[in-house]
Amino acid sequence: LASAKTEGSGALVIPLQLEGSAPPLFCICGVHLYQELADQFAPETPVYGIFLPSEERLYDAHGGEHSAPLSVEDMAAGYVDAVRTRQPHGPYWLTGVSFGGVLAYEVAQQLVSAGEEVAFLAMLDSMLPRALKRNWLRWVCEHVRSASRRGWRDMAARVVRRLKNSWRRGTESDLPVDENQRLAALRQAIYSAATKRYVPRPYGSTAMLVRAEDKGF
């Protein structure tokens, strides 16, 4: 990687891919997740990852547990400052994966509110917790159709595998958890709490939502 630049807010703007003359793509939250994606944009589009000081406490053994609640709006404002220091005016290209996509959405909102153009916004497998509520009627209908295509014996085998996996995860949860696993679970809990508090405004432009393919039952 090229050397990171520390902006006035204390944010690190990290070049992940510097080739290209197109407007840069800014990757929000979790810089380590984006290098493979950045490589795909060469040689047309530069790609930067942004790391905020507020992210650092999520990697600290105790800071994430005892700090003030994380706010999507406040974190997004920090990313906006970092983005505009690197690129003062639009059009802006933004993306984020999972919680980073929620932040990228709010970054776009704040940039548009400031009179800037957001030309590209992609949320990679991002959602709010309220979107996880299952439509049971649709779920049953989908699986009845699937069973009709594949056969009920295949469906029964998949159910058995799912039950075995659930039992295995339950027994593994009794095993000692290392510090990295504990911190990952803590970060996820903080992200989930932040998204539950977040009330997104309607977005007046085009956004892309990329969903991971769910191959489970």
Foldseek 3Di string as FASTA:
>chain_A
DPDWDQDPQRKTKAWLAAAADDEAEEEFPDQVVCNVVQVVCPHHHTYIYIDHPVVVLLVDLPSLPPDDADALLVSLVVVLVVVCVVPVADCYHYEYEALSLVSQLNNCVVNVVVVGHDPAREYEAYDAPVVPDDPVVVVVVVVVVVCVVPPVVVVVVLVVVVVVVVVVVVVCVPDDDDSVRVSVVSSVVSSNVNSVPDDDDDDPDDYHYHHDDDPHD
